[in-house]
Every structure is written in structure tokens, then in C-alpha cells.
Amino acid sequence: MAETKQAAPVIDVEKSITDILSTIEREREREIIARRFGLFDRRETLEQIGELLGITRERVRQLEKVVIIKLRASGEALPHVIEIQSIVIDQLHKMGEAARVSDLTAKLIKTNTRLDQSRVAFLATLCPQLTTLEENDLFYLSVGVTSIRKEKQLKADANKVVEVIKKIGEPTTIDVIAKSANITNPKQAEALASISKQLATLNGRWGLVKWPMVNPKNIRDKIYVVLKENGKQMHFSEIAEAIKKSDFKRKAVTTQAIHNELIKDGRFVLIGRGIYALNEWGYKKGTVADIITEVIKEAGKPLHRDEIVKRVLKSRIVKETTVLLNLQGKSKFKRVAKATYDLADSDKIIVK
């Protein structure tokens, strides 16, 4: 008998927020908390709230701090907090003991709007058994299980994962990262990686956010990822189709746009009619005649036409007749014996 999947618990955040705010005696303080945490609309700055209420930004900051301290002191005595805390901790255990608020909210609330995320973050700050990381340049707004890692340890372990990935030097799977970081459970390593703004993931691999393979920022980067993942040359129309079917955040591209970007970027080499490869695979830019020249130069001696064709076809997808026509029709090549060709004297490199 097939096992029935249980739906993720759904928290009634609006009721929870309303009931908790009702415990704040003064309306002005309720207004400050609601606006600072974005509980009913977008989050507002100290200046914006101060201007609205006719007080200084510093006074707003002081009142916010006092109210939050009081609410946290009440802890599990606040309405719904025990239930919410239990649900969140249970979900975090499944996610690796920590998670971005956006990812956590997606598991708890079907809509997962920006407003939902603000509310979940606020509720988490009031739960004694949860640790909340404020968003900054290094970390996303995140929540962790305090008994597993307090704030300082959570940041330190996330930074350790970053350092491990830097040392590895290329995008890799979370299993490899966990082993290198001496983290027994790969799910925990993934959770730590997910809260760091220094890291990104794509196609099952994690890496530094500046690496195109995990965080392509433009069409050219996406082309690079597609070719790299494919491992061999592709026609520009195939590349466009692969991008449309990918997991990239933005993938609405035209075939012509792909072709234009392939032409402009030095990472890509045209090796056939509309067919491109990566230059890091050893391909070089140039015409068929340029490739023939390179082949003869590397050989350091005249070559039979069959050998020339064989070597050229390793780096260009063209017809054999195209290679032969270039050999016979270009002044930079000369026949020195039956079906054997060398560079014309003006194209030879004289080594002293």
C-alpha cells in the first residue's frame, strides 16, 4: 500500500500576528512594530515611521527595542508561540536545522508572499528555541534551531562551508562539500550553504556566487553553462532551446539573441555552420585556412592532404572538400610532393 504524503502544516500567520500585537498595550508601539517588521505592508525605515508619528528616528529605534525585549521575555506565554515554535522546529529538522526565511515560509504557507515571509520572520524572533539571523551583506534573513546552533555558531559554520568551496575551487555537489567540511549530514551542509549570500546553486552543484556555472548573470553566462553541461559542441538553436528548458531564473530568449551573444564572447568558438564550442576545450578561433596553417606549423613539416584533413576535422565540423579547396585555392599553402602540402615560404616561421 502506497504511503500517503502529509501536507506541510499551514500556520495562520495573520491571526497569530494580530493576537500577538494585541498584547502590546500602546497603539503607537503596535504601529512601530507592525511597520518596522512589515507585518501588514512593506517594511519601513526609522525615518519614515518617525515622520509619520511625529517623533525622531532614535525614539522609534528605542521604542522598537523595548517592545521586542518585552515580547521575547514573554516568549512561550504569547498567543500561538508554542504551537508555531513546534511547527517551525519540526520543519527545520527536515531542512537541515536552518533555512532562509523565504525557503522556510514556502514550506509553511502556500502563498509564500513577501508579506508572509516578513510575518514568519517576526514570529520566529519571538520563539525562545529559534535563532534568527538578520539579513546583511553576508547572510540572508534566516532561522535556525537554537539547540543545534546559536547565532555565532550558525554564522561560523556557514562561513566554513564557504571556505571549503573556495578551496575546492569549482562547483561541486553538497555531498562532496559536506565530507570536506566534516559535516556528517549533507542536509545540514546544504542548509548552511543556503543561508550564505556568498554561495549559489544550479543543477545540483554549489559554488561561489561569482561563478557563472552556478549563478549565470546574463545570456552569455547561460550559454556557457549550457555548453559546459553538455560537454560538447552545439548548434546555436539547440543552445537556445536548452536555455528555455533550463532551471535559470530568466530563460525567455530568442534564437537570434543567442547567436549574437555567441559571436561577441571570446569563450565561444565557431567550429561549423552555426555550431559552437568552448575555447577552453582547445578550440581556436579562425577560418579553415587558419586551422590548416596551425596544423602544418605544429607538425613542423609538410603533411599529406589526408593527414591535414584528419587533423583539421578534430577542431572544425566541415566537409573534407572544404579543407581540400582551401589547400588548393589559398596562396599561403604550396604542394611540395604528390598530395603533400607545406606552408608557403612567406608563412613559415624560421627558428634560429
Protein backbone atom coordinates (compact mmCIF):
# COMPACT_ATOMS: atom_id res chain seq x y z
CA MET A 1 0.00 0.00 0.00
CA ALA A 2 1.42 3.37 -1.03
CA GLU A 3 2.44 5.70 1.76
CA THR A 4 0.26 8.80 1.97
CA LYS A 5 2.19 12.07 1.96
CA GLN A 6 1.18 14.52 4.63
CA ALA A 7 0.75 18.14 3.61
CA ALA A 8 3.06 20.66 5.26
CA PRO A 9 1.46 22.37 8.26
CA VAL A 10 -0.06 25.75 7.45
CA ILE A 11 0.28 28.47 10.06
CA ASP A 12 -2.48 31.04 10.30
CA VAL A 13 0.05 33.86 10.46
CA GLU A 14 -2.44 36.70 10.16
CA LYS A 15 -4.37 35.59 13.26
CA SER A 16 -1.13 34.87 15.10
CA ILE A 17 0.24 38.33 14.29
CA THR A 18 -2.99 40.08 15.23
CA ASP A 19 -3.26 38.24 18.56
CA ILE A 20 0.37 38.90 19.46
CA LEU A 21 0.15 42.59 18.57
CA SER A 22 -2.95 42.86 20.77
CA THR A 23 -0.74 42.13 23.79
CA ILE A 24 1.10 45.42 23.19
CA GLU A 25 -0.75 47.99 25.24
CA ARG A 26 0.02 51.23 23.40
CA GLU A 27 -1.23 51.77 19.87
CA ARG A 28 1.87 53.77 18.89
CA GLU A 29 4.13 50.88 19.83
CA ARG A 30 1.95 48.42 17.92
CA GLU A 31 2.22 50.70 14.91
CA ILE A 32 6.01 50.82 15.18
CA ILE A 33 6.38 47.04 15.36
CA ALA A 34 3.92 46.44 12.52
CA ARG A 35 5.67 48.92 10.23
CA ARG A 36 9.27 48.03 11.15
CA PHE A 37 8.69 44.31 10.53
CA GLY A 38 6.39 44.80 7.53
CA LEU A 39 3.54 42.84 9.10
CA PHE A 40 0.75 44.38 7.02
CA ASP A 41 2.61 46.20 4.26
CA ARG A 42 6.19 46.78 3.17
CA ARG A 43 8.85 47.31 5.83
CA GLU A 44 9.50 50.95 6.70
CA THR A 45 12.61 52.78 7.89
CA LEU A 46 13.06 54.51 11.22
CA GLU A 47 12.88 57.86 9.42
CA GLN A 48 9.62 57.03 7.66
CA ILE A 49 7.94 55.87 10.86
CA GLY A 50 9.29 58.81 12.85
CA GLU A 51 7.92 61.27 10.29
CA LEU A 52 4.52 59.56 10.38
CA LEU A 53 4.31 59.54 14.18
CA GLY A 54 5.97 62.91 14.74
CA ILE A 55 8.96 61.57 16.70
CA THR A 56 12.68 61.21 16.00
CA ARG A 57 14.20 58.15 14.32
CA GLU A 58 16.16 57.49 17.51
CA ARG A 59 12.96 57.45 19.55
CA VAL A 60 11.44 54.97 17.10
CA ARG A 61 14.51 52.75 17.49
CA GLN A 62 14.31 52.92 21.29
CA LEU A 63 10.62 52.04 21.38
CA GLU A 64 11.08 49.16 18.93
CA LYS A 65 13.90 47.71 21.04
CA VAL A 66 11.92 47.98 24.30
CA VAL A 67 8.81 46.32 22.82
CA ILE A 68 10.77 43.45 21.24
CA ILE A 69 12.59 42.80 24.52
CA LYS A 70 9.23 42.61 26.32
CA LEU A 71 7.73 40.28 23.73
CA ARG A 72 10.75 37.98 23.80
CA ALA A 73 10.65 37.95 27.59
CA SER A 74 7.05 36.74 27.38
CA GLY A 75 8.19 34.07 24.95
CA GLU A 76 6.02 30.97 25.04
CA ALA A 77 3.38 32.82 27.05
CA LEU A 78 2.46 34.81 23.93
CA PRO A 79 -0.55 33.61 21.90
CA HIS A 80 0.25 30.78 19.45
CA VAL A 81 4.03 30.88 20.06
CA ILE A 82 4.32 27.35 21.48
CA GLU A 83 2.42 25.89 18.52
CA ILE A 84 4.32 27.99 15.96
CA GLN A 85 7.66 27.14 17.54
CA SER A 86 6.90 23.42 17.43
CA ILE A 87 5.84 23.54 13.78
CA VAL A 88 8.87 25.59 12.71
CA ILE A 89 11.38 23.42 14.60
CA ASP A 90 9.86 20.27 13.09
CA GLN A 91 10.18 21.78 9.61
CA LEU A 92 13.73 22.99 10.21
CA HIS A 93 14.80 19.48 11.27
CA LYS A 94 13.67 18.30 7.85
CA MET A 95 15.55 21.13 6.13
CA GLY A 96 18.89 20.66 7.90
CA GLU A 97 18.33 22.60 11.15
CA ALA A 98 18.42 26.03 9.43
CA ALA A 99 16.88 27.75 6.42
CA ARG A 100 16.36 31.03 4.66
CA VAL A 101 13.09 32.59 5.74
CA SER A 102 11.90 32.53 2.13
CA ASP A 103 12.51 28.75 1.89
CA LEU A 104 11.01 28.09 5.31
CA THR A 105 7.90 30.13 4.53
CA ALA A 106 7.41 28.16 1.31
CA LYS A 107 7.11 25.01 3.42
CA LEU A 108 4.72 26.56 5.93
CA ILE A 109 2.45 28.83 3.90
CA LYS A 110 1.01 28.06 0.49
CA THR A 111 1.14 31.63 -0.80
CA ASN A 112 4.71 32.45 0.36
CA THR A 113 4.45 36.15 -0.44
CA ARG A 114 6.91 38.80 0.76
CA LEU A 115 4.33 39.68 3.43
CA ASP A 116 4.16 36.04 4.56
CA GLN A 117 7.95 35.94 4.85
CA SER A 118 8.04 39.12 6.96
CA ARG A 119 5.44 37.66 9.29
CA VAL A 120 7.24 34.32 9.65
CA ALA A 121 10.50 36.14 10.40
CA PHE A 122 8.78 38.22 13.10
CA LEU A 123 7.16 35.19 14.70
CA ALA A 124 10.50 33.34 14.69
CA THR A 125 12.18 36.18 16.59
CA LEU A 126 9.67 35.67 19.40
CA CYS A 127 10.28 31.91 19.75
CA PRO A 128 12.85 31.20 22.51
CA GLN A 129 14.06 28.00 20.85
CA LEU A 130 14.74 29.63 17.48
CA THR A 131 17.69 31.72 16.33
CA THR A 132 17.10 34.43 13.74
CA LEU A 133 19.85 35.86 11.52
CA GLU A 134 19.18 39.38 10.34
CA GLU A 135 19.86 39.97 6.64
CA ASN A 136 23.16 41.71 5.83
CA ASP A 137 25.85 41.64 3.14
CA LEU A 138 26.89 38.08 4.03
CA PHE A 139 23.68 36.33 5.07
CA TYR A 140 20.06 36.04 4.03
CA LEU A 141 17.30 36.51 6.60
CA SER A 142 17.37 33.05 8.15
CA VAL A 143 16.15 30.91 11.03
CA GLY A 144 17.90 28.09 12.86
CA VAL A 145 17.27 25.73 15.77
CA THR A 146 18.98 27.27 18.80
CA SER A 147 19.74 23.92 20.47
CA ILE A 148 21.77 22.95 17.39
CA ARG A 149 23.50 26.26 16.67
CA LYS A 150 23.23 29.66 18.27
CA GLU A 151 23.73 32.75 16.11
CA LYS A 152 27.52 32.94 16.35
CA GLN A 153 27.97 29.23 15.60
CA LEU A 154 25.46 29.33 12.77
CA LYS A 155 27.41 32.10 11.05
CA ALA A 156 30.76 30.40 11.70
CA ASP A 157 29.61 27.06 10.25
CA ALA A 158 28.09 28.75 7.20
CA ASN A 159 31.38 30.58 6.61
CA LYS A 160 33.24 27.27 7.00
CA VAL A 161 31.21 25.85 4.11
CA VAL A 162 32.12 28.92 2.04
CA GLU A 163 35.83 28.37 2.75
CA VAL A 164 35.58 24.69 1.83
CA ILE A 165 34.00 25.57 -1.54
CA LYS A 166 36.71 28.18 -2.17
CA LYS A 167 39.34 25.52 -1.50
CA ILE A 168 37.67 23.01 -3.82
CA GLY A 169 37.77 25.73 -6.47
CA GLU A 170 34.89 24.64 -8.68
CA PRO A 171 31.15 23.91 -8.41
CA THR A 172 30.53 20.59 -6.72
CA THR A 173 27.82 18.51 -5.06
CA ILE A 174 26.74 19.05 -1.49
CA ASP A 175 27.87 15.51 -0.58
CA VAL A 176 31.46 16.37 -1.50
CA ILE A 177 31.20 19.70 0.33
CA ALA A 178 29.79 18.05 3.47
CA LYS A 179 32.59 15.48 3.52
CA SER A 180 35.26 18.15 3.06
CA ALA A 181 33.71 20.25 5.84
CA ASN A 182 33.42 17.23 8.18
CA ILE A 183 29.63 17.60 8.33
CA THR A 184 28.00 14.19 8.77
CA ASN A 185 24.60 15.13 7.35
CA PRO A 186 24.71 16.65 3.81
CA LYS A 187 21.30 18.20 4.51
CA GLN A 188 22.90 20.34 7.21
CA ALA A 189 25.69 21.38 4.84
CA GLU A 190 23.08 22.37 2.27
CA ALA A 191 21.17 24.38 4.88
CA LEU A 192 24.33 26.23 5.89
CA ALA A 193 25.21 26.92 2.26
CA SER A 194 21.71 28.22 1.55
CA ILE A 195 21.86 30.99 4.15
CA SER A 196 25.09 32.47 2.80
CA LYS A 197 24.95 35.23 0.20
CA GLN A 198 28.43 34.19 -0.93
CA LEU A 199 27.11 30.95 -2.43
CA ALA A 200 24.72 29.87 -5.16
CA THR A 201 23.50 26.58 -6.58
CA LEU A 202 22.46 25.32 -10.00
CA ASN A 203 21.91 21.85 -11.46
CA GLY A 204 22.72 20.13 -8.17
CA ARG A 205 26.08 21.84 -7.61
CA TRP A 206 27.13 24.61 -5.22
CA GLY A 207 29.75 27.28 -5.78
CA LEU A 208 30.69 30.88 -5.18
CA VAL A 209 28.07 33.38 -6.29
CA LYS A 210 30.60 34.93 -8.68
CA TRP A 211 30.98 31.66 -10.62
CA PRO A 212 28.85 31.63 -13.82
CA MET A 213 28.32 27.87 -13.58
CA VAL A 214 26.11 28.30 -10.50
CA ASN A 215 25.00 31.91 -10.89
CA PRO A 216 24.79 32.95 -14.56
CA LYS A 217 24.06 36.67 -14.66
CA ASN A 218 23.47 37.23 -18.38
CA ILE A 219 22.76 35.40 -21.62
CA ARG A 220 26.45 34.73 -22.29
CA ASP A 221 26.89 33.07 -18.90
CA LYS A 222 23.83 30.91 -19.53
CA ILE A 223 25.23 29.86 -22.91
CA TYR A 224 28.48 28.94 -21.16
CA VAL A 225 26.62 26.82 -18.58
CA VAL A 226 24.62 25.01 -21.26
CA LEU A 227 27.72 24.18 -23.33
CA LYS A 228 29.71 23.15 -20.26
CA GLU A 229 26.90 20.89 -19.03
CA ASN A 230 26.50 19.36 -22.49
CA GLY A 231 30.21 18.66 -22.74
CA LYS A 232 30.40 19.04 -26.50
CA GLN A 233 29.63 21.45 -29.32
CA MET A 234 26.05 22.56 -30.04
CA HIS A 235 24.18 24.45 -32.74
CA PHE A 236 23.02 27.89 -31.58
CA SER A 237 19.38 26.84 -32.00
CA GLU A 238 20.00 23.86 -29.66
CA ILE A 239 21.56 26.21 -27.12
CA ALA A 240 18.51 28.50 -27.24
CA GLU A 241 16.18 25.54 -26.72
CA ALA A 242 18.28 24.25 -23.81
CA ILE A 243 18.09 27.63 -22.08
CA LYS A 244 14.30 27.70 -22.45
CA LYS A 245 14.07 24.28 -20.79
CA SER A 246 16.60 25.07 -18.05
CA ASP A 247 16.24 25.98 -14.37
CA PHE A 248 17.56 29.51 -14.96
CA LYS A 249 15.54 32.27 -13.35
CA ARG A 250 15.20 34.17 -16.62
CA LYS A 251 15.09 32.00 -19.71
CA ALA A 252 12.95 33.88 -22.24
CA VAL A 253 15.47 34.23 -25.08
CA THR A 254 15.31 34.32 -28.86
CA THR A 255 17.49 32.19 -31.11
CA GLN A 256 18.84 35.34 -32.76
CA ALA A 257 19.84 36.81 -29.40
CA ILE A 258 21.76 33.62 -28.59
CA HIS A 259 23.55 33.76 -31.94
CA ASN A 260 24.52 37.39 -31.42
CA GLU A 261 25.99 36.71 -27.97
CA LEU A 262 27.93 33.68 -29.22
CA ILE A 263 29.64 35.87 -31.81
CA LYS A 264 30.63 38.54 -29.25
CA ASP A 265 32.07 36.39 -26.45
CA GLY A 266 35.62 35.06 -26.64
CA ARG A 267 34.70 31.96 -24.63
CA PHE A 268 32.86 30.54 -27.65
CA VAL A 269 34.38 29.33 -30.92
CA LEU A 270 32.54 28.76 -34.19
CA ILE A 271 33.63 25.31 -35.38
CA GLY A 272 30.99 24.61 -38.01
CA ARG A 273 27.96 26.13 -39.66
CA GLY A 274 26.14 27.59 -36.66
CA ILE A 275 27.93 25.16 -34.34
CA TYR A 276 29.84 26.46 -31.33
CA ALA A 277 32.23 25.02 -28.74
CA LEU A 278 34.14 26.39 -25.76
CA ASN A 279 37.63 27.68 -26.35
CA GLU A 280 38.70 26.04 -23.08
CA TRP A 281 38.24 22.71 -24.84
CA GLY A 282 41.21 23.57 -27.05
CA TYR A 283 39.35 25.11 -29.95
CA LYS A 284 40.79 28.26 -31.51
CA LYS A 285 39.12 31.00 -33.47
CA GLY A 286 39.86 31.29 -37.17
CA THR A 287 38.94 30.21 -40.66
CA VAL A 288 39.58 26.75 -42.08
CA ALA A 289 42.70 28.17 -43.72
CA ASP A 290 43.89 29.41 -40.33
CA ILE A 291 43.41 25.95 -38.85
CA ILE A 292 45.32 24.32 -41.72
CA THR A 293 48.16 26.77 -41.13
CA GLU A 294 48.20 25.90 -37.42
CA VAL A 295 48.20 22.17 -38.20
CA ILE A 296 51.22 22.41 -40.52
CA LYS A 297 53.08 24.71 -38.11
CA GLU A 298 52.54 22.30 -35.22
CA ALA A 299 53.73 19.38 -37.36
CA GLY A 300 56.87 21.29 -38.31
CA LYS A 301 56.99 19.55 -41.69
CA PRO A 302 54.92 19.06 -44.85
CA LEU A 303 51.88 16.82 -44.44
CA HIS A 304 49.88 14.59 -46.74
CA ARG A 305 46.49 16.04 -47.53
CA ASP A 306 44.70 13.11 -45.82
CA GLU A 307 46.60 13.82 -42.60
CA ILE A 308 45.80 17.52 -42.87
CA VAL A 309 42.10 16.75 -43.33
CA LYS A 310 42.15 14.35 -40.38
CA ARG A 311 43.72 16.93 -38.05
CA VAL A 312 41.53 19.83 -39.19
CA LEU A 313 38.36 17.81 -38.65
CA LYS A 314 39.32 17.39 -34.99
CA SER A 315 38.69 21.09 -34.45
CA ARG A 316 36.24 22.02 -37.20
CA ILE A 317 32.98 20.47 -38.31
CA VAL A 318 33.29 20.98 -42.07
CA LYS A 319 33.25 18.83 -45.18
CA GLU A 320 36.51 17.23 -46.34
CA THR A 321 36.10 19.03 -49.65
CA THR A 322 36.15 22.38 -47.82
CA VAL A 323 39.59 21.55 -46.39
CA LEU A 324 40.89 20.40 -49.77
CA LEU A 325 39.59 23.52 -51.53
CA ASN A 326 41.38 25.69 -49.00
CA LEU A 327 44.62 23.76 -49.52
CA GLN A 328 44.46 24.12 -53.29
CA GLY A 329 42.99 27.58 -53.53
CA LYS A 330 44.95 29.57 -50.96
CA SER A 331 48.30 31.18 -51.73
CA LYS A 332 49.57 30.50 -48.21
CA PHE A 333 49.90 26.76 -49.00
CA LYS A 334 52.06 25.03 -51.60
CA ARG A 335 52.29 21.46 -52.84
CA VAL A 336 55.78 20.09 -52.29
CA ALA A 337 55.16 16.48 -53.37
CA LYS A 338 52.32 14.31 -54.57
CA ALA A 339 49.25 15.22 -52.37
CA THR A 340 51.65 16.72 -49.81
CA TYR A 341 51.45 20.32 -48.66
CA ASP A 342 53.55 22.81 -46.76
CA LEU A 343 53.22 26.49 -45.88
CA ALA A 344 54.24 28.99 -48.50
CA ASP A 345 57.67 30.46 -47.71
CA SER A 346 56.18 33.77 -46.54
CA ASP A 347 54.09 31.97 -43.90
CA LYS A 348 56.84 29.83 -42.43
CA ILE A 349 58.34 30.59 -39.08
CA ILE A 350 62.10 30.49 -39.22
CA VAL A 351 63.56 29.15 -35.97
CA LYS A 352 67.20 30.17 -35.38
